Protein backbone atom coordinates (compact mmCIF):
# COMPACT_ATOMS: atom_id res chain seq x y z
CA MET A 1 0.04 0.23 -0.10
CA ASP A 2 0.91 3.50 -0.54
CA LEU A 3 0.91 5.33 2.52
CA SER A 4 1.10 8.90 0.96
CA LYS A 5 -1.75 8.94 -0.91
CA VAL A 6 -3.67 7.67 2.29
CA LEU A 7 -1.73 9.52 4.97
CA ASN A 8 -0.14 13.35 4.78
CA LYS A 9 3.44 13.84 5.21
CA ASP A 10 2.97 15.08 9.35
CA GLN A 11 0.15 12.03 9.51
CA ARG A 12 3.46 9.45 7.57
CA LYS A 13 6.22 11.48 9.90
CA SER A 14 4.62 10.60 13.40
CA ILE A 15 4.39 6.93 12.06
CA MET A 16 8.42 7.07 11.33
CA ASP A 17 9.04 9.19 13.89
CA ALA A 18 7.29 6.22 16.89
CA ILE A 19 9.17 2.87 14.48
CA LEU A 20 12.95 5.09 14.67
CA THR A 21 12.56 6.34 18.43
CA PRO A 22 13.34 2.82 19.58
CA PHE A 23 16.22 2.43 18.53
CA SER A 24 17.11 6.45 19.33
CA TRP A 25 17.20 5.34 22.48
CA GLY A 26 18.71 2.66 22.41
CA TYR A 27 21.73 4.35 19.82
CA GLY A 28 21.89 7.40 22.31
CA ALA A 29 22.22 4.36 25.17
CA GLY A 30 25.53 2.76 23.85
CA VAL A 31 26.63 6.18 23.17
CA TRP A 32 26.56 7.01 26.43
CA MET A 33 28.26 3.55 27.37
CA ARG A 34 30.35 4.43 25.50
CA ASN A 35 31.21 8.07 26.34
CA THR A 36 31.42 7.03 30.70
CA ALA A 37 33.56 4.53 29.47
CA PHE A 38 36.28 6.94 28.32
CA ASP A 39 35.10 9.70 31.04
CA MET A 40 35.93 7.44 34.04
CA GLY A 41 39.06 6.08 32.15
CA VAL A 42 37.39 2.10 31.16
CA LEU A 43 38.87 2.60 27.58
CA GLN A 44 41.57 5.23 27.93
CA GLU A 45 41.90 8.68 25.81
CA GLN A 46 46.12 8.91 24.43
CA GLU A 47 47.98 12.11 24.59
CA PHE A 48 51.01 12.67 22.74
CA GLU A 49 54.19 15.53 22.63
CA VAL A 50 52.81 16.52 18.83
CA PRO A 51 49.84 18.78 19.74
CA VAL A 52 46.50 16.97 17.91
CA VAL A 53 43.91 19.14 16.65
CA SER A 54 40.94 17.50 15.66
CA VAL A 55 38.37 19.45 13.73
CA GLY A 56 35.28 16.69 14.09
CA ASN A 57 31.23 17.48 14.82
CA ILE A 58 27.85 16.42 16.10
CA THR A 59 26.22 15.22 13.04
CA VAL A 60 26.07 12.98 9.94
CA GLY A 61 26.03 15.48 6.69
CA GLY A 62 28.40 17.74 5.91
CA THR A 63 29.20 20.63 7.90
CA GLY A 64 32.55 21.38 5.93
CA LYS A 65 34.66 19.65 7.69
CA THR A 66 37.18 19.49 4.37
CA PRO A 67 37.36 23.38 4.02
CA HIS A 68 37.85 24.18 7.37
CA VAL A 69 41.43 21.48 7.15
CA GLU A 70 41.91 23.44 4.13
CA TYR A 71 41.88 26.68 5.21
CA ILE A 72 43.90 25.98 8.56
CA ILE A 73 46.40 24.11 7.05
CA GLU A 74 46.48 27.08 4.65
CA ALA A 75 47.03 29.67 7.63
CA LEU A 76 49.16 27.41 9.25
CA TYR A 77 51.92 25.51 6.66
CA ARG A 78 54.25 28.04 7.09
CA HIS A 79 55.04 27.90 10.64
CA TYR A 80 54.09 24.07 11.80
CA ARG A 81 55.46 20.79 9.36
CA ILE A 82 52.10 19.99 9.60
CA GLY A 83 50.96 15.63 9.43
CA VAL A 84 47.09 14.97 7.83
CA LEU A 85 45.29 12.20 9.00
CA SER A 86 41.65 11.05 7.84
CA ARG A 87 39.77 7.74 8.22
CA GLY A 88 39.38 8.27 4.74
CA TYR A 89 36.06 7.31 4.47
CA LYS A 90 34.90 4.75 1.22
CA ARG A 91 37.60 4.40 0.60
CA LYS A 92 38.60 0.67 -1.29
CA THR A 93 41.85 -0.02 1.30
CA LYS A 94 42.60 -0.74 4.44
CA GLY A 95 44.83 -0.14 7.41
CA PHE A 96 47.76 2.22 6.99
CA ILE A 97 48.98 4.83 3.99
CA LEU A 98 50.78 7.53 3.04
CA ALA A 99 49.17 9.55 0.47
CA SER A 100 51.58 10.26 -2.51
CA GLU A 101 51.10 10.71 -6.34
CA ASN A 102 49.92 7.63 -7.72
CA MET A 103 46.95 7.49 -5.48
CA THR A 104 43.68 7.90 -6.39
CA PRO A 105 40.62 9.20 -4.43
CA ARG A 106 39.52 4.81 -4.10
CA ASP A 107 43.19 4.37 -2.43
CA ILE A 108 43.19 7.00 0.25
CA GLY A 109 39.38 8.75 0.06
CA ASP A 110 37.98 11.90 -2.28
CA GLU A 111 38.76 14.19 0.62
CA PRO A 112 42.29 13.42 1.41
CA TYR A 113 42.90 13.35 -2.09
CA GLN A 114 42.15 16.71 -2.86
CA ILE A 115 43.94 18.12 0.38
CA TYR A 116 47.10 15.60 -0.17
CA HIS A 117 46.68 17.50 -4.66
CA LYS A 118 45.84 21.02 -3.20
CA PHE A 119 49.10 20.90 -1.06
CA GLY A 120 51.31 18.07 -1.71
CA ASP A 121 54.53 17.24 0.03
CA LEU A 122 53.92 20.80 1.88
CA ILE A 123 52.00 18.28 4.29
CA THR A 124 52.40 14.55 5.82
CA LEU A 125 49.55 13.00 4.54
CA ALA A 126 47.56 9.29 5.69
CA VAL A 127 44.54 7.27 6.27
CA CYS A 128 43.92 5.12 8.47
CA GLU A 129 40.84 4.17 10.54
CA LYS A 130 42.82 3.42 14.16
CA ARG A 131 44.12 7.24 14.67
CA ARG A 132 46.56 6.23 17.34
CA LYS A 133 48.27 3.78 15.29
CA GLY A 134 48.29 6.11 11.84
CA ILE A 135 49.54 9.27 14.62
CA ARG A 136 52.39 6.85 15.95
CA GLU A 137 53.14 6.15 11.75
CA LEU A 138 53.01 10.04 10.36
CA LEU A 139 55.27 10.65 13.33
CA ARG A 140 57.57 7.42 12.96
CA ILE A 141 57.52 8.12 8.57
CA ASN A 142 58.42 11.99 9.48
CA PRO A 143 59.87 13.12 12.77
CA ASP A 144 60.00 16.52 12.13
CA ILE A 145 56.14 16.64 12.17
CA ASN A 146 55.75 19.18 14.94
CA LEU A 147 51.17 19.06 14.11
CA ILE A 148 48.47 16.73 13.65
CA LEU A 149 45.11 17.66 11.86
CA LEU A 150 42.80 15.18 12.70
CA ASP A 151 40.34 14.72 10.39
CA ASP A 152 36.34 14.45 11.98
CA GLY A 153 38.09 13.08 14.74
CA PHE A 154 35.44 14.33 17.88
CA GLN A 155 33.77 10.24 18.39
CA HIS A 156 37.03 9.13 18.18
CA ARG A 157 37.94 9.62 21.52
CA TYR A 158 41.38 6.57 21.70
CA VAL A 159 42.82 10.30 20.62
CA LYS A 160 42.93 13.12 22.95
CA PRO A 161 43.66 15.61 20.68
CA LYS A 162 45.25 19.87 22.03
CA VAL A 163 42.25 21.28 20.70
CA ASN A 164 39.13 20.41 20.11
CA ILE A 165 37.65 21.67 17.30
CA VAL A 166 33.06 21.18 16.89
CA LEU A 167 31.71 22.05 13.23
CA ILE A 168 27.61 22.36 13.39
CA ASP A 169 26.60 24.09 10.43
CA TYR A 170 23.98 27.34 10.71
CA ASN A 171 21.59 25.96 7.96
CA ARG A 172 20.80 22.89 10.47
CA LEU A 173 21.71 23.64 14.49
CA PRO A 174 22.02 20.86 16.58
CA PHE A 175 19.53 22.35 19.60
CA ASP A 176 16.14 20.63 17.99
CA ASP A 177 17.96 17.60 16.27
CA LYS A 178 17.68 14.83 17.72
CA LEU A 179 19.91 11.65 17.68
CA LEU A 180 20.33 8.84 14.84
CA PRO A 181 18.32 7.39 13.40
CA LEU A 182 15.57 9.82 14.83
CA GLY A 183 17.94 12.69 14.09
CA THR A 184 21.42 13.90 12.80
CA LEU A 185 22.52 13.77 16.26
CA ARG A 186 25.80 11.30 16.68
CA GLU A 187 25.81 12.24 20.17
CA PRO A 188 23.58 14.46 22.68
CA ALA A 189 24.26 17.83 21.60
CA GLY A 190 25.59 18.39 25.23
CA ASN A 191 28.48 16.64 25.21
CA MET A 192 29.68 19.43 22.18
CA THR A 193 30.68 21.61 24.93
CA ARG A 194 31.40 19.23 27.36
CA ARG A 195 34.70 17.88 25.13
CA CYS A 196 35.28 20.89 22.49
CA ASP A 197 37.47 23.71 23.20
CA MET A 198 36.66 25.80 19.95
CA ILE A 199 32.88 26.11 17.79
CA VAL A 200 32.46 26.99 14.60
CA VAL A 201 29.55 27.56 13.35
CA THR A 202 30.10 27.18 9.08
CA LYS A 203 27.72 27.80 6.32
CA CYS A 204 26.22 30.97 7.79
CA PRO A 205 24.43 33.11 5.44
CA THR A 206 26.79 36.68 3.68
CA ASP A 207 24.50 39.34 5.19
CA LEU A 208 24.44 37.12 8.86
CA ASN A 209 24.83 40.08 11.93
CA ALA A 210 25.39 41.24 14.75
CA MET A 211 21.30 40.16 16.44
CA ASP A 212 21.61 36.67 14.46
CA ILE A 213 25.32 35.83 15.98
CA ARG A 214 23.62 37.08 19.58
CA ILE A 215 20.83 34.74 19.11
CA VAL A 216 23.04 31.32 18.32
CA LYS A 217 25.68 32.10 21.10
CA LYS A 218 22.94 32.55 23.46
CA ARG A 219 21.45 29.03 22.32
CA LEU A 220 25.13 27.96 22.54
CA SER A 221 25.19 29.08 26.67
CA ASN A 222 22.11 26.93 27.61
CA LEU A 223 25.02 24.15 27.17
CA ASN A 224 26.65 25.26 29.44
CA LEU A 225 29.57 26.86 27.41
CA LEU A 226 32.72 27.88 29.14
CA ASN A 227 34.23 31.27 29.52
CA TYR A 228 37.49 29.04 27.03
CA GLN A 229 35.41 27.81 24.67
CA LYS A 230 35.11 30.52 21.92
CA VAL A 231 32.65 30.49 18.97
CA PHE A 232 33.34 31.73 15.55
CA PHE A 233 31.26 32.29 12.10
CA SER A 234 32.79 30.53 8.75
CA ASN A 235 30.28 31.24 5.51
CA ILE A 236 31.51 29.00 2.19
CA GLN A 237 32.92 31.05 -0.69
CA TYR A 238 32.52 29.80 -4.25
CA ALA A 239 35.07 30.85 -6.87
CA ASP A 240 34.67 30.69 -10.51
CA PRO A 241 34.31 27.20 -12.60
CA VAL A 242 37.49 25.40 -13.37
CA SER A 243 37.10 23.07 -15.82
CA VAL A 244 37.54 18.87 -14.52
CA PHE A 245 39.92 17.62 -17.20
CA PRO A 246 42.35 19.74 -19.00
CA VAL A 247 41.18 21.17 -21.89
CA GLN A 248 43.16 24.31 -24.22
CA SER A 249 40.17 26.08 -24.73
CA PRO A 250 37.47 26.28 -21.50
CA GLN A 251 34.46 27.53 -22.74
CA LEU A 252 33.37 29.14 -18.94
CA THR A 253 35.23 31.12 -17.15
CA SER A 254 32.67 32.77 -15.43
CA LEU A 255 29.15 32.29 -14.24
CA GLN A 256 28.50 36.10 -14.95
CA TRP A 257 28.83 34.92 -18.42
CA LEU A 258 25.74 32.18 -19.14
CA HIS A 259 22.69 33.66 -20.47
CA ASP A 260 18.98 33.20 -19.93
CA ASP A 261 18.96 30.66 -22.66
CA ASP A 262 21.46 28.35 -21.12
CA ALA A 263 21.31 25.21 -19.38
CA VAL A 264 23.15 23.62 -15.87
CA LEU A 265 23.06 20.45 -14.81
CA CYS A 266 24.54 21.09 -11.09
CA LEU A 267 25.64 17.21 -10.26
CA THR A 268 26.71 15.90 -6.39
CA GLY A 269 27.69 13.12 -4.60
CA ILE A 270 28.25 15.01 -1.27
CA ALA A 271 25.78 15.44 1.70
CA THR A 272 24.61 18.83 1.63
CA PRO A 273 24.20 20.10 -1.76
CA LYS A 274 21.82 22.99 -1.94
CA PRO A 275 24.27 25.97 -1.32
CA LEU A 276 25.98 24.77 -4.49
CA VAL A 277 21.72 24.85 -6.16
CA ARG A 278 21.54 28.33 -4.73
CA TYR A 279 24.64 29.22 -5.57
CA LEU A 280 24.40 28.57 -9.16
CA ARG A 281 20.52 29.05 -9.56
CA GLN A 282 21.75 33.15 -8.68
CA PHE A 283 22.65 33.08 -12.36
CA ARG A 284 20.93 33.79 -15.28
CA ALA A 285 20.78 30.47 -16.96
CA SER A 286 18.57 27.42 -16.05
CA VAL A 287 19.47 24.39 -13.88
CA LYS A 288 18.19 21.11 -12.94
CA VAL A 289 19.79 19.11 -10.50
CA MET A 290 20.94 15.43 -10.12
CA HIS A 291 22.39 14.22 -6.58
CA PHE A 292 23.95 11.10 -5.75
CA ASP A 293 25.42 9.87 -1.87
CA ASP A 294 27.97 11.30 -0.33
CA HIS A 295 30.88 10.28 -1.75
CA HIS A 296 29.73 8.44 -4.30
CA PHE A 297 32.21 6.42 -7.42
CA PHE A 298 29.54 6.88 -10.15
CA THR A 299 29.24 4.03 -12.44
CA ARG A 300 29.49 3.33 -16.09
CA ARG A 301 25.16 3.48 -15.42
CA ASP A 302 25.42 6.29 -13.46
CA PHE A 303 27.15 8.17 -16.44
CA THR A 304 24.64 6.72 -19.35
CA ASP A 305 21.88 8.05 -16.88
CA ILE A 306 24.11 11.58 -16.51
CA PHE A 307 24.73 11.95 -20.41
CA ARG A 308 21.13 10.82 -20.99
CA VAL A 309 19.27 13.91 -18.72
CA TYR A 310 22.22 15.96 -19.88
CA LYS A 311 21.39 15.06 -23.81
CA GLU A 312 17.89 16.58 -22.81
CA LEU A 313 18.88 19.58 -21.21
CA GLU A 314 17.62 22.91 -23.26
CA GLY A 315 19.73 25.43 -23.24
CA LYS A 316 21.66 26.54 -26.40
CA ARG A 317 24.91 26.10 -24.29
CA LYS A 318 25.20 23.70 -21.79
CA PHE A 319 27.20 22.81 -19.52
CA ILE A 320 27.78 19.97 -16.06
CA ILE A 321 28.61 21.87 -12.38
CA THR A 322 29.61 19.19 -10.17
CA THR A 323 31.96 20.08 -6.71
CA GLU A 324 35.20 20.14 -5.97
CA LYS A 325 35.17 16.97 -4.43
CA ASP A 326 33.00 14.58 -7.18
CA ALA A 327 35.52 16.47 -9.16
CA VAL A 328 38.68 14.79 -8.11
CA ARG A 329 36.44 11.17 -8.61
CA ILE A 330 35.52 11.84 -11.50
CA MET A 331 38.53 13.16 -13.10
CA ASN A 332 39.51 9.61 -12.38
CA ASN A 333 36.93 7.57 -13.22
CA PRO A 334 38.13 5.28 -15.83
CA TYR A 335 34.20 5.17 -16.93
CA TYR A 336 33.81 8.74 -17.72
CA PRO A 337 33.14 9.41 -21.59
CA PRO A 338 36.06 11.27 -23.40
CA THR A 339 34.63 13.64 -25.76
CA LYS A 340 32.48 14.35 -22.92
CA ARG A 341 35.88 16.12 -21.06
CA ASN A 342 35.08 19.21 -22.33
CA CYS A 343 31.50 21.01 -20.88
CA ILE A 344 31.85 19.08 -17.14
CA TYR A 345 33.17 22.41 -14.89
CA TYR A 346 34.08 22.37 -11.01
CA ILE A 347 33.38 25.63 -8.57
CA PRO A 348 36.07 25.83 -5.87
CA MET A 349 35.27 26.22 -2.58
CA ARG A 350 36.97 28.39 0.44
CA VAL A 351 36.04 29.22 3.89
CA ALA A 352 35.94 32.58 4.76
CA PHE A 353 35.71 33.58 9.00
CA LEU A 354 33.68 36.39 9.93
CA LYS A 355 35.97 38.28 11.89
CA PRO A 356 34.82 38.49 16.17
CA ALA A 357 33.30 40.98 17.68
CA GLU A 358 36.28 41.05 20.17
CA GLY A 359 38.66 38.63 21.24
CA LEU A 360 41.07 37.37 18.40
CA SER A 361 40.73 35.72 15.50
CA PHE A 362 40.20 31.98 14.92
CA ILE A 363 43.61 30.98 13.49
CA ASP A 364 45.10 33.55 16.29
CA GLU A 365 43.14 31.93 18.85
CA LEU A 366 44.09 28.48 17.44
CA VAL A 367 47.61 29.28 17.49
CA ASP A 368 47.36 30.61 21.61
CA LYS A 369 46.33 27.20 22.15
CA ILE A 370 48.65 24.91 20.62
CA GLU A 371 51.63 27.63 22.02
CA ASN A 372 49.95 26.29 25.40
CA GLN A 373 52.30 23.47 27.42
CA THR A 374 51.44 20.06 26.20
CA ALA A 375 50.61 17.36 27.60
CA GLU A 376 52.94 14.27 28.45
CA PRO A 377 52.50 11.25 26.19
CA ILE A 378 51.04 8.48 27.61
CA SER A 379 52.32 4.99 26.82
CA THR A 380 50.34 2.58 25.13
CA ASN A 381 50.75 0.01 22.56
CA ASP A 382 46.44 -0.58 21.63
CA ASP A 383 45.68 0.27 18.28
CA TYR A 384 42.26 2.14 17.95
């Protein structure tokens, strides 16, 4: 039976909430037991002599971890010898792997691949599911590393960071959210203020005003935010389109050149495509969207479907526009048709921080926390 023909949207949501609530309670109990085990020392956290900065979140879906990691690298690589460790989500390999030029997103994951190819030898980047083992391997391979960036490390409590940065999406603030699978929270919102050192509210609108900032900070203070836990606000800035594949004469070097009779197919495989879609729809061309799951590896059939939709677009000129993260998977994909390389572009994105009304900037605050006295390492041979 098709419930959509019998029940309205609110009724269907009520039924799904009733079904998922017991699972959410069970998940929450598991999270509570695990965190309590760490808090009581039953499960042991390890600190390292080299300061570790974790960039993580408390929700599933995109909060902008990768561009914020890139922002930190860009600001600090001249002052620190940086090692970057990621799990390498959705890679087709296992264990510790040190990034190198001949690797693909399937080897190390799309986000680590993107970071490595932006910064190359300026950083030492590796992927490993077991973060303690990964950090030890990074330091063994390059003993000169004096700062570790841990990607998505907030829930990985076997490593105790020197600085714990938590990102929350301005458009999906966690205050009224619920635990998985009923909502998107990986753990209760209150845990954020119990363990973090810095909070970044990401993907803020460009016209965010002082009143909006005060409202968010007020709601965070209701989670017992402490004085040392600083809150910052950032947004995403998009650059001009770049051809995914090397072409001699790119047809689209600025979205301002799009006309009313042009058509764009927005192709995404990320967690939250809406900001890019909204951005593209500010321009004159018509926009159609094809969305796949986050970190999706496109198949031959996917490209058949994509170019069928592309062919059906009504436009004098037609383009495919995708994200930077999707582009690294597409450019390494053997199923992408070679004859279609001149029609696909990606939009580079970078982070910009709003200037705080008082106190240090985000990077100055981060460096201040990094430079505080580093804890003595705890000796352990466990690999987690």
